[in-house]
Amino acid sequence: MKTSVFPANPKLVDLAVKSGRRLRKGKTVPGKIISGDRFCFSLKAILGGVAVDAESAAVGQTAFLNKVPYVVIRTISDQNNLEQFRKFLKPAALRSQYIVLGMLKLL
């Protein structure tokens, strides 16, 4: 494969941003999610990403290969800290759910 960047569908990104910004709590930030086969927080700054994770690239690559429009919604709940992760897991999951439900209402 010659490409390593899998842009999300602009219309779906726009819907996700609009939906996320309607929520009272949290911050909605569109942008590039950096992924790699190793821990790569330094790449976030170098490549201009808004987040680092291991799963979003797989979603993007699969959608790209199958010509399916996609968007990835990541709710950042921790800073590589297990205690914070446990504290924010449920609110983060709910925020992602509310963004998706909001997107469906905007369709």
N, C-alpha and C. Protein backbone atom coordinates (compact mmCIF):
# COMPACT_ATOMS: atom_id res chain seq x y z
N MET A 1 0.85 -1.17 0.00
CA MET A 1 0.00 0.00 0.00
C MET A 1 0.89 1.23 0.00
N LYS A 2 0.60 2.16 -0.88
CA LYS A 2 1.44 3.34 -1.02
C LYS A 2 1.03 4.49 -0.11
N THR A 3 -0.14 4.43 0.47
CA THR A 3 -0.59 5.54 1.31
C THR A 3 -0.59 5.14 2.78
N SER A 4 -0.34 6.12 3.62
CA SER A 4 -0.39 5.88 5.07
C SER A 4 -1.31 6.89 5.74
N VAL A 5 -2.01 7.68 4.93
CA VAL A 5 -2.96 8.67 5.45
C VAL A 5 -4.33 8.32 4.88
N PHE A 6 -5.31 8.24 5.77
CA PHE A 6 -6.65 7.84 5.37
C PHE A 6 -7.64 8.92 5.82
N PRO A 7 -7.83 9.97 5.00
CA PRO A 7 -8.70 11.08 5.41
C PRO A 7 -10.15 10.63 5.65
N ALA A 8 -10.71 11.14 6.72
CA ALA A 8 -12.12 10.88 7.01
C ALA A 8 -13.00 11.66 6.04
N ASN A 9 -14.23 11.23 5.92
CA ASN A 9 -15.19 11.89 5.05
C ASN A 9 -15.50 13.29 5.59
N PRO A 10 -15.27 14.35 4.81
CA PRO A 10 -15.47 15.72 5.31
C PRO A 10 -16.89 16.01 5.81
N LYS A 11 -17.90 15.45 5.15
CA LYS A 11 -19.28 15.67 5.60
C LYS A 11 -19.52 15.02 6.96
N LEU A 12 -18.99 13.82 7.15
CA LEU A 12 -19.14 13.15 8.45
C LEU A 12 -18.35 13.88 9.54
N VAL A 13 -17.18 14.38 9.19
CA VAL A 13 -16.39 15.16 10.16
C VAL A 13 -17.19 16.39 10.57
N ASP A 14 -17.76 17.08 9.60
CA ASP A 14 -18.55 18.28 9.89
C ASP A 14 -19.72 17.97 10.81
N LEU A 15 -20.42 16.88 10.54
CA LEU A 15 -21.54 16.47 11.40
C LEU A 15 -21.06 16.16 12.82
N ALA A 16 -19.94 15.46 12.93
CA ALA A 16 -19.40 15.11 14.24
C ALA A 16 -19.00 16.35 15.02
N VAL A 17 -18.36 17.31 14.36
CA VAL A 17 -17.94 18.54 15.02
C VAL A 17 -19.16 19.34 15.47
N LYS A 18 -20.13 19.50 14.61
CA LYS A 18 -21.34 20.23 14.98
C LYS A 18 -22.04 19.57 16.16
N SER A 19 -22.15 18.27 16.12
CA SER A 19 -22.80 17.53 17.21
C SER A 19 -22.02 17.68 18.51
N GLY A 20 -20.71 17.51 18.45
CA GLY A 20 -19.88 17.61 19.64
C GLY A 20 -19.90 18.99 20.26
N ARG A 21 -19.94 20.02 19.44
CA ARG A 21 -19.94 21.40 19.95
C ARG A 21 -21.27 21.80 20.55
N ARG A 22 -22.30 21.02 20.32
CA ARG A 22 -23.61 21.29 20.94
C ARG A 22 -23.68 20.76 22.38
N LEU A 23 -22.74 19.91 22.74
CA LEU A 23 -22.74 19.35 24.09
C LEU A 23 -22.22 20.38 25.08
N ARG A 24 -22.75 20.33 26.29
CA ARG A 24 -22.37 21.32 27.31
C ARG A 24 -20.97 21.11 27.86
N LYS A 25 -20.59 19.87 28.06
CA LYS A 25 -19.29 19.59 28.66
C LYS A 25 -18.32 19.07 27.62
N GLY A 26 -17.05 19.30 27.87
CA GLY A 26 -16.02 18.77 27.00
C GLY A 26 -15.67 19.72 25.87
N LYS A 27 -14.69 19.32 25.10
CA LYS A 27 -14.19 20.13 23.99
C LYS A 27 -14.14 19.24 22.75
N THR A 28 -14.54 19.78 21.62
CA THR A 28 -14.51 19.05 20.36
C THR A 28 -13.40 19.62 19.49
N VAL A 29 -12.46 18.76 19.11
CA VAL A 29 -11.30 19.19 18.33
C VAL A 29 -11.14 18.27 17.12
N PRO A 30 -11.44 18.77 15.93
CA PRO A 30 -11.20 17.94 14.75
C PRO A 30 -9.72 17.95 14.39
N GLY A 31 -9.25 16.86 13.80
CA GLY A 31 -7.86 16.83 13.38
C GLY A 31 -7.36 15.43 13.14
N LYS A 32 -6.09 15.38 12.85
CA LYS A 32 -5.42 14.13 12.50
C LYS A 32 -5.12 13.31 13.76
N ILE A 33 -5.42 12.01 13.70
CA ILE A 33 -5.07 11.09 14.78
C ILE A 33 -3.86 10.29 14.31
N ILE A 34 -2.81 10.33 15.10
CA ILE A 34 -1.57 9.66 14.76
C ILE A 34 -1.59 8.24 15.31
N SER A 35 -1.14 7.30 14.50
CA SER A 35 -1.09 5.91 14.93
C SER A 35 0.21 5.29 14.45
N GLY A 36 0.62 4.25 15.12
CA GLY A 36 1.83 3.57 14.70
C GLY A 36 1.95 2.24 15.40
N ASP A 37 2.99 1.51 15.05
CA ASP A 37 3.19 0.20 15.66
C ASP A 37 4.00 0.29 16.95
N ARG A 38 4.34 1.51 17.35
CA ARG A 38 5.06 1.74 18.60
C ARG A 38 4.46 2.94 19.30
N PHE A 39 4.79 3.07 20.58
CA PHE A 39 4.35 4.22 21.36
C PHE A 39 4.89 5.49 20.70
N CYS A 40 4.02 6.41 20.26
CA CYS A 40 4.49 7.49 19.40
C CYS A 40 3.97 8.87 19.79
N PHE A 41 3.96 9.21 21.08
CA PHE A 41 3.50 10.53 21.48
C PHE A 41 4.35 11.64 20.86
N SER A 42 5.65 11.40 20.62
CA SER A 42 6.49 12.42 20.01
C SER A 42 6.05 12.70 18.58
N LEU A 43 5.50 11.72 17.89
CA LEU A 43 5.02 11.94 16.53
C LEU A 43 3.82 12.87 16.48
N LYS A 44 3.06 12.93 17.56
CA LYS A 44 1.91 13.82 17.63
C LYS A 44 2.34 15.25 17.35
N ALA A 45 3.38 15.70 17.99
CA ALA A 45 3.88 17.05 17.79
C ALA A 45 4.51 17.21 16.41
N ILE A 46 5.28 16.22 15.99
CA ILE A 46 5.99 16.31 14.71
C ILE A 46 5.02 16.34 13.53
N LEU A 47 3.99 15.50 13.57
CA LEU A 47 3.06 15.36 12.45
C LEU A 47 1.79 16.20 12.60
N GLY A 48 1.66 16.92 13.68
CA GLY A 48 0.50 17.80 13.85
C GLY A 48 -0.79 17.11 14.21
N GLY A 49 -0.70 16.02 14.93
CA GLY A 49 -1.90 15.31 15.32
C GLY A 49 -2.55 15.91 16.56
N VAL A 50 -3.84 15.60 16.74
CA VAL A 50 -4.56 16.04 17.93
C VAL A 50 -4.63 14.93 18.97
N ALA A 51 -4.32 13.70 18.55
CA ALA A 51 -4.35 12.56 19.47
C ALA A 51 -3.49 11.44 18.91
N VAL A 52 -3.18 10.49 19.78
CA VAL A 52 -2.44 9.30 19.39
C VAL A 52 -3.23 8.09 19.87
N ASP A 53 -3.43 7.13 18.99
CA ASP A 53 -4.07 5.89 19.41
C ASP A 53 -3.68 4.77 18.46
N ALA A 54 -4.11 3.57 18.77
CA ALA A 54 -3.72 2.42 17.98
C ALA A 54 -4.84 1.90 17.07
N GLU A 55 -6.07 2.30 17.31
CA GLU A 55 -7.19 1.69 16.60
C GLU A 55 -7.71 2.51 15.41
N SER A 56 -7.62 3.82 15.49
CA SER A 56 -8.23 4.67 14.46
C SER A 56 -7.67 4.41 13.08
N ALA A 57 -6.37 4.16 12.98
CA ALA A 57 -5.77 3.90 11.67
C ALA A 57 -6.35 2.63 11.04
N ALA A 58 -6.62 1.63 11.86
CA ALA A 58 -7.20 0.39 11.33
C ALA A 58 -8.60 0.65 10.76
N VAL A 59 -9.38 1.48 11.45
CA VAL A 59 -10.70 1.84 10.94
C VAL A 59 -10.55 2.59 9.62
N GLY A 60 -9.66 3.59 9.60
CA GLY A 60 -9.44 4.39 8.40
C GLY A 60 -8.95 3.56 7.23
N GLN A 61 -8.00 2.68 7.47
CA GLN A 61 -7.45 1.85 6.41
C GLN A 61 -8.51 0.91 5.84
N THR A 62 -9.27 0.30 6.72
CA THR A 62 -10.33 -0.62 6.27
C THR A 62 -11.37 0.11 5.45
N ALA A 63 -11.79 1.28 5.92
CA ALA A 63 -12.78 2.07 5.18
C ALA A 63 -12.21 2.50 3.82
N PHE A 64 -10.95 2.95 3.81
CA PHE A 64 -10.28 3.38 2.58
C PHE A 64 -10.23 2.23 1.56
N LEU A 65 -9.80 1.08 1.99
CA LEU A 65 -9.68 -0.07 1.09
C LEU A 65 -11.03 -0.52 0.53
N ASN A 66 -12.08 -0.32 1.32
CA ASN A 66 -13.42 -0.74 0.89
C ASN A 66 -14.26 0.41 0.34
N LYS A 67 -13.63 1.59 0.20
CA LYS A 67 -14.30 2.78 -0.35
C LYS A 67 -15.58 3.12 0.42
N VAL A 68 -15.48 3.08 1.75
CA VAL A 68 -16.60 3.39 2.64
C VAL A 68 -16.30 4.71 3.36
N PRO A 69 -17.20 5.70 3.28
CA PRO A 69 -16.97 6.94 4.01
C PRO A 69 -16.96 6.67 5.51
N TYR A 70 -16.08 7.36 6.24
CA TYR A 70 -15.99 7.10 7.68
C TYR A 70 -15.57 8.36 8.43
N VAL A 71 -15.78 8.31 9.71
CA VAL A 71 -15.25 9.30 10.64
C VAL A 71 -14.91 8.54 11.92
N VAL A 72 -13.86 8.97 12.60
CA VAL A 72 -13.50 8.37 13.88
C VAL A 72 -13.80 9.40 14.96
N ILE A 73 -14.50 8.97 15.99
CA ILE A 73 -14.79 9.83 17.14
C ILE A 73 -14.01 9.28 18.32
N ARG A 74 -13.08 10.06 18.81
CA ARG A 74 -12.27 9.66 19.96
C ARG A 74 -12.57 10.62 21.10
N THR A 75 -12.93 10.07 22.21
CA THR A 75 -13.09 10.87 23.42
C THR A 75 -11.88 10.57 24.29
N ILE A 76 -11.05 11.57 24.47
CA ILE A 76 -9.82 11.39 25.23
C ILE A 76 -10.16 11.40 26.72
N SER A 77 -9.84 10.31 27.38
CA SER A 77 -10.23 10.17 28.79
C SER A 77 -9.05 10.03 29.73
N ASP A 78 -7.85 9.94 29.20
CA ASP A 78 -6.71 9.74 30.09
C ASP A 78 -5.44 10.27 29.45
N GLN A 79 -4.44 10.44 30.25
CA GLN A 79 -3.12 10.85 29.78
C GLN A 79 -2.12 9.74 30.12
N ASN A 80 -2.43 8.53 29.69
CA ASN A 80 -1.61 7.36 29.98
C ASN A 80 -1.52 7.13 31.49
N ASN A 81 -2.67 7.23 32.15
CA ASN A 81 -2.75 7.12 33.60
C ASN A 81 -3.97 6.25 33.93
N LEU A 82 -3.75 5.09 34.52
CA LEU A 82 -4.83 4.14 34.77
C LEU A 82 -5.91 4.70 35.68
N GLU A 83 -5.54 5.45 36.71
CA GLU A 83 -6.53 6.03 37.63
C GLU A 83 -7.45 7.01 36.90
N GLN A 84 -6.87 7.88 36.08
CA GLN A 84 -7.69 8.82 35.30
C GLN A 84 -8.56 8.07 34.30
N PHE A 85 -8.00 7.04 33.69
CA PHE A 85 -8.76 6.25 32.73
C PHE A 85 -10.02 5.69 33.38
N ARG A 86 -9.87 5.09 34.55
CA ARG A 86 -11.02 4.51 35.25
C ARG A 86 -12.04 5.58 35.62
N LYS A 87 -11.56 6.74 36.03
CA LYS A 87 -12.45 7.83 36.44
C LYS A 87 -13.28 8.36 35.27
N PHE A 88 -12.68 8.46 34.11
CA PHE A 88 -13.34 9.12 32.98
C PHE A 88 -13.89 8.16 31.93
N LEU A 89 -13.78 6.87 32.15
CA LEU A 89 -14.22 5.90 31.14
C LEU A 89 -15.70 6.07 30.81
N LYS A 90 -16.56 6.07 31.81
CA LYS A 90 -18.00 6.17 31.54
C LYS A 90 -18.38 7.52 30.93
N PRO A 91 -17.91 8.66 31.51
CA PRO A 91 -18.25 9.95 30.88
C PRO A 91 -17.72 10.05 29.44
N ALA A 92 -16.56 9.49 29.17
CA ALA A 92 -16.00 9.54 27.82
C ALA A 92 -16.86 8.72 26.86
N ALA A 93 -17.27 7.53 27.28
CA ALA A 93 -18.12 6.69 26.44
C ALA A 93 -19.46 7.37 26.17
N LEU A 94 -20.02 8.00 27.19
CA LEU A 94 -21.30 8.70 27.01
C LEU A 94 -21.15 9.87 26.04
N ARG A 95 -20.04 10.61 26.14
CA ARG A 95 -19.83 11.74 25.23
C ARG A 95 -19.77 11.25 23.78
N SER A 96 -19.06 10.17 23.53
CA SER A 96 -19.00 9.62 22.17
C SER A 96 -20.39 9.21 21.70
N GLN A 97 -21.14 8.58 22.59
CA GLN A 97 -22.50 8.16 22.26
C GLN A 97 -23.36 9.37 21.90
N TYR A 98 -23.28 10.43 22.69
CA TYR A 98 -24.07 11.65 22.43
C TYR A 98 -23.67 12.31 21.11
N ILE A 99 -22.39 12.26 20.77
CA ILE A 99 -21.95 12.82 19.50
C ILE A 99 -22.57 12.04 18.34
N VAL A 100 -22.53 10.73 18.41
CA VAL A 100 -23.11 9.90 17.34
C VAL A 100 -24.62 10.12 17.23
N LEU A 101 -25.31 10.14 18.38
CA LEU A 101 -26.75 10.38 18.34
C LEU A 101 -27.07 11.77 17.77
N GLY A 102 -26.26 12.76 18.12
CA GLY A 102 -26.43 14.09 17.57
C GLY A 102 -26.21 14.12 16.07
N MET A 103 -25.23 13.37 15.60
CA MET A 103 -24.97 13.28 14.16
C MET A 103 -26.19 12.71 13.43
N LEU A 104 -26.77 11.67 14.00
CA LEU A 104 -27.95 11.06 13.37
C LEU A 104 -29.11 12.05 13.29
N LYS A 105 -29.27 12.88 14.30
CA LYS A 105 -30.33 13.89 14.28
C LYS A 105 -30.08 14.96 13.21
N LEU A 106 -28.79 15.23 12.94
CA LEU A 106 -28.44 16.25 11.96
C LEU A 106 -28.53 15.76 10.51
N LEU A 107 -28.62 14.46 10.32
CA LEU A 107 -28.70 13.92 8.94
C LEU A 107 -29.99 14.32 8.25
